[in-house]
């Protein structure tokens, strides 16, 4: 069934409760009279409350109304916040450099208002030392405590140990701050055109990294972790 309201000659009732173009109450009038007023104002007669008795109709520019409604819906979707769960994988014997790199990813995710699932992967005899993974997860949680909190405590899941961190900052707040920062960069680039090219390239690289798949970062760091395991 169509969700479009009935307009003009598609309205099939003997009388309607009419609302004027400025929202004023005209009262209950015959349908013929309402259609006549619509023609005089060069507007459409739109049924806005079909279940009322009699139905409520309003005089409006229906084409303009549909366009404005579509723009509002588009803006609402643009500003809609979706909570995303990122994943970061670590090894119990991760070396300090790789730990700092992984922690940096976690920090970025939390700043963006996303949750982060931390997975410690045990191999071979490491499975007999779960306390190593537990201590590593505790350390990470403490290092990012100003940005996030432990939403799900560490727990063993087969060969893995998993912990979930939640952000202190809401997704909507993170999105608003990101838009403000982007606007500030554009304003600075406009005020300083001589260095705008380098700044734009740097911002482009940072944004690509922020949106990049975490698995790519993990793949790039895998050799260093392998050395640490060895």
Foldseek 3Di string as FASTA:
>chain_A
DDPAWDKQPSDDDQWEFEAEAVRHGPGIDGSVVVNVVLVVVVFMWTFDAVPDVNTYTYTHHVVVVVVVVVVVVVVCVVLDFDAAEAEDEDELLADPVVLVVSLVLVLLCLLLQHKYKYKYAADDPSQVVVVSVLVSVVVSQVVNVVFWHWPAHWDDDPRMIITMIGGPDHNSVSVVVVVVVVVVLVVVCVVPVVCNVVVVVVVVVVVCVSPDHVVVVVVVCVVSRVVSVD
